[in-house]
Structures are given as structure tokens and as C-alpha cells.
Amino acid sequence: MSDSKPALVIQQTEHMSKESLERVVYLTKRFAAQSGFQALFMPIGVSAQVDHGTGALVAALHAQTEAINRLADSNQQVIDYLLSEEVAEAGDVEGSHTRYLDPDEE
């Protein structure tokens, strides 16, 4: 369902004449239009379920993906910085310093 109207689903449970069925469908659609619903009339043997939409979920997944990408970029910048510091220290002949990502390891 593309719009945000609630759905009124009516399931037919008994056989009806064609005229009776047309009348029920007509009255259902009229009631739904007056009440702001979308009417769905399901004949015998057919079932339906209401789709609540996935737009919000997809938007949240996109936002999460963007956040993960920003985190990965930030992590790459930290690694690049640490590598550049290690290269700079390697040129220092006075002492050898080793850097670890874990501050407790030295």
C-alpha cells in the first residue's frame, strides 16, 4: 500500500450470490471512503496480510551504513597516522619506540 491510510480487510467466510457479494463490496468501499480507510475484500479461499511498509527500516539501514562508513574512514585515518609516526620514529637512531593500539601494551 503506497499511502498511509489504514486498511480495512474483510474476509468472506460463506458463499454468497453474485448480487449479494457486489452489494457487500460496494457498501464496504463506501464505508471505507467515508472513514478514511482503504477497503480490501477477500473472497473465500484467499487470505491477506497488512503491509506496514519498510520505508523507515530502509532509511534506518542507510543511516547505519553511513555511520559505519564514517567509523571505517576514521579508523583508517588513525591507522595512517600511527603508521606515519612509526616511520618517523624509525628514522630516529637514538632509540627504538614501538607503538601499540592497546595503550596497556608497551
C-alpha atoms as a PDB file:
ATOM      1  CA  MET A   1       0.000   0.000   0.000  1.00  0.00           C
ATOM      2  CA  SER A   2       1.595   3.198  -1.136  1.00  0.00           C
ATOM      3  CA  ASP A   3      -0.227   5.700   1.066  1.00  0.00           C
ATOM      4  CA  SER A   4      -0.551   5.822   4.816  1.00  0.00           C
ATOM      5  CA  LYS A   5      -4.276   5.068   5.100  1.00  0.00           C
ATOM      6  CA  PRO A   6      -5.184   2.198   7.415  1.00  0.00           C
ATOM      7  CA  ALA A   7      -6.591  -0.872   5.715  1.00  0.00           C
ATOM      8  CA  LEU A   8      -9.985  -2.415   6.342  1.00  0.00           C
ATOM      9  CA  VAL A   9      -9.748  -6.073   5.329  1.00  0.00           C
ATOM     10  CA  ILE A  10     -12.963  -8.040   5.061  1.00  0.00           C
ATOM     11  CA  GLN A  11     -12.658 -11.801   4.607  1.00  0.00           C
ATOM     12  CA  GLN A  12     -15.584 -13.623   3.036  1.00  0.00           C
ATOM     13  CA  THR A  13     -16.349 -16.757   5.065  1.00  0.00           C
ATOM     14  CA  GLU A  14     -19.533 -18.007   3.393  1.00  0.00           C
ATOM     15  CA  HIS A  15     -20.703 -18.382  -0.185  1.00  0.00           C
ATOM     16  CA  MET A  16     -22.899 -15.538  -1.387  1.00  0.00           C
ATOM     17  CA  SER A  17     -24.839 -14.817  -4.540  1.00  0.00           C
ATOM     18  CA  LYS A  18     -23.154 -12.549  -7.067  1.00  0.00           C
ATOM     19  CA  GLU A  19     -25.607  -9.750  -6.295  1.00  0.00           C
ATOM     20  CA  SER A  20     -25.098 -10.036  -2.539  1.00  0.00           C
ATOM     21  CA  LEU A  21     -21.339 -10.077  -2.968  1.00  0.00           C
ATOM     22  CA  GLU A  22     -21.412  -6.986  -5.192  1.00  0.00           C
ATOM     23  CA  ARG A  23     -23.583  -5.197  -2.629  1.00  0.00           C
ATOM     24  CA  VAL A  24     -21.226  -6.060   0.248  1.00  0.00           C
ATOM     25  CA  VAL A  25     -18.203  -4.890  -1.750  1.00  0.00           C
ATOM     26  CA  TYR A  26     -19.979  -1.646  -2.695  1.00  0.00           C
ATOM     27  CA  LEU A  27     -21.016  -0.903   0.910  1.00  0.00           C
ATOM     28  CA  THR A  28     -17.562  -1.786   2.212  1.00  0.00           C
ATOM     29  CA  LYS A  29     -15.831   0.553  -0.224  1.00  0.00           C
ATOM     30  CA  ARG A  30     -18.310   3.324   0.538  1.00  0.00           C
ATOM     31  CA  PHE A  31     -17.838   2.936   4.282  1.00  0.00           C
ATOM     32  CA  ALA A  32     -14.053   2.848   3.881  1.00  0.00           C
ATOM     33  CA  ALA A  33     -14.032   6.006   1.757  1.00  0.00           C
ATOM     34  CA  GLN A  34     -16.130   7.864   4.329  1.00  0.00           C
ATOM     35  CA  SER A  35     -13.960   6.616   7.199  1.00  0.00           C
ATOM     36  CA  GLY A  36     -10.570   7.199   5.595  1.00  0.00           C
ATOM     37  CA  PHE A  37      -9.685   3.535   5.145  1.00  0.00           C
ATOM     38  CA  GLN A  38      -8.595   1.518   2.173  1.00  0.00           C
ATOM     39  CA  ALA A  39     -11.012  -1.350   1.675  1.00  0.00           C
ATOM     40  CA  LEU A  40      -9.894  -4.835   0.745  1.00  0.00           C
ATOM     41  CA  PHE A  41     -12.464  -7.535   0.249  1.00  0.00           C
ATOM     42  CA  MET A  42     -11.057 -11.053   0.221  1.00  0.00           C
ATOM     43  CA  PRO A  43     -13.142 -13.817  -1.323  1.00  0.00           C
ATOM     44  CA  ILE A  44     -13.330 -17.333   0.119  1.00  0.00           C
ATOM     45  CA  GLY A  45     -10.021 -19.169  -0.085  1.00  0.00           C
ATOM     46  CA  VAL A  46      -7.920 -16.004  -0.357  1.00  0.00           C
ATOM     47  CA  SER A  47      -6.027 -14.590   2.577  1.00  0.00           C
ATOM     48  CA  ALA A  48      -4.261 -11.294   3.066  1.00  0.00           C
ATOM     49  CA  GLN A  49      -1.939  -9.565   5.459  1.00  0.00           C
ATOM     50  CA  VAL A  50      -1.384  -5.890   6.041  1.00  0.00           C
ATOM     51  CA  ASP A  51       1.932  -4.477   4.880  1.00  0.00           C
ATOM     52  CA  HIS A  52       3.164  -1.921   7.375  1.00  0.00           C
ATOM     53  CA  GLY A  53       5.794  -0.629   4.982  1.00  0.00           C
ATOM     54  CA  THR A  54       9.534  -0.876   5.137  1.00  0.00           C
ATOM     55  CA  GLY A  55      10.475   2.702   4.280  1.00  0.00           C
ATOM     56  CA  ALA A  56      11.510   3.577   7.836  1.00  0.00           C
ATOM     57  CA  LEU A  57      13.548   0.391   8.148  1.00  0.00           C
ATOM     58  CA  VAL A  58      15.364   1.033   4.863  1.00  0.00           C
ATOM     59  CA  ALA A  59      16.115   4.628   5.910  1.00  0.00           C
ATOM     60  CA  ALA A  60      17.499   3.397   9.249  1.00  0.00           C
ATOM     61  CA  LEU A  61      19.686   0.842   7.463  1.00  0.00           C
ATOM     62  CA  HIS A  62      21.043   3.545   5.163  1.00  0.00           C
ATOM     63  CA  ALA A  63      21.819   5.769   8.162  1.00  0.00           C
ATOM     64  CA  GLN A  64      23.534   2.880   9.914  1.00  0.00           C
ATOM     65  CA  THR A  65      25.593   2.103   6.809  1.00  0.00           C
ATOM     66  CA  GLU A  66      26.693   5.741   6.575  1.00  0.00           C
ATOM     67  CA  ALA A  67      27.702   5.718  10.251  1.00  0.00           C
ATOM     68  CA  ILE A  68      29.706   2.521   9.769  1.00  0.00           C
ATOM     69  CA  ASN A  69      31.429   4.016   6.735  1.00  0.00           C
ATOM     70  CA  ARG A  70      32.342   7.136   8.735  1.00  0.00           C
ATOM     71  CA  LEU A  71      33.727   4.939  11.504  1.00  0.00           C
ATOM     72  CA  ALA A  72      35.774   2.924   8.997  1.00  0.00           C
ATOM     73  CA  ASP A  73      37.168   6.148   7.487  1.00  0.00           C
ATOM     74  CA  SER A  74      38.045   7.425  10.962  1.00  0.00           C
ATOM     75  CA  ASN A  75      39.749   4.148  11.825  1.00  0.00           C
ATOM     76  CA  GLN A  76      41.738   4.313   8.592  1.00  0.00           C
ATOM     77  CA  GLN A  77      42.869   7.847   9.445  1.00  0.00           C
ATOM     78  CA  VAL A  78      44.052   6.677  12.884  1.00  0.00           C
ATOM     79  CA  ILE A  79      45.964   3.769  11.333  1.00  0.00           C
ATOM     80  CA  ASP A  80      47.522   6.062   8.720  1.00  0.00           C
ATOM     81  CA  TYR A  81      48.592   8.481  11.465  1.00  0.00           C
ATOM     82  CA  LEU A  82      50.103   5.708  13.598  1.00  0.00           C
ATOM     83  CA  LEU A  83      51.971   4.301  10.600  1.00  0.00           C
ATOM     84  CA  SER A  84      53.352   7.738   9.745  1.00  0.00           C
ATOM     85  CA  GLU A  85      54.531   8.157  13.355  1.00  0.00           C
ATOM     86  CA  GLU A  86      56.181   4.741  13.236  1.00  0.00           C
ATOM     87  CA  VAL A  87      58.002   5.669  10.024  1.00  0.00           C
ATOM     88  CA  ALA A  88      59.130   8.944  11.603  1.00  0.00           C
ATOM     89  CA  GLU A  89      60.395   7.107  14.695  1.00  0.00           C
ATOM     90  CA  ALA A  90      62.209   4.516  12.573  1.00  0.00           C
ATOM     91  CA  GLY A  91      64.422   7.335  11.308  1.00  0.00           C
ATOM     92  CA  ASP A  92      65.288   8.229  14.924  1.00  0.00           C
ATOM     93  CA  VAL A  93      68.605   6.490  15.720  1.00  0.00           C
ATOM     94  CA  GLU A  94      68.635   7.452  19.403  1.00  0.00           C
ATOM     95  CA  GLY A  95      66.037   4.940  20.467  1.00  0.00           C
ATOM     96  CA  SER A  96      63.521   2.480  19.259  1.00  0.00           C
ATOM     97  CA  HIS A  97      59.931   3.130  20.228  1.00  0.00           C
ATOM     98  CA  THR A  98      57.205   0.660  19.453  1.00  0.00           C
ATOM     99  CA  ARG A  99      53.580   1.795  19.411  1.00  0.00           C
ATOM    100  CA  TYR A 100      50.663  -0.470  20.016  1.00  0.00           C
ATOM    101  CA  LEU A 101      46.989   0.267  19.513  1.00  0.00           C
ATOM    102  CA  ASP A 102      46.345  -1.084  23.019  1.00  0.00           C
ATOM    103  CA  PRO A 103      47.668   1.559  25.481  1.00  0.00           C
ATOM    104  CA  ASP A 104      48.276  -1.131  28.148  1.00  0.00           C
ATOM    105  CA  GLU A 105      50.791  -2.949  25.946  1.00  0.00           C
ATOM    106  CA  GLU A 106      54.237  -1.435  25.839  1.00  0.00           C
END
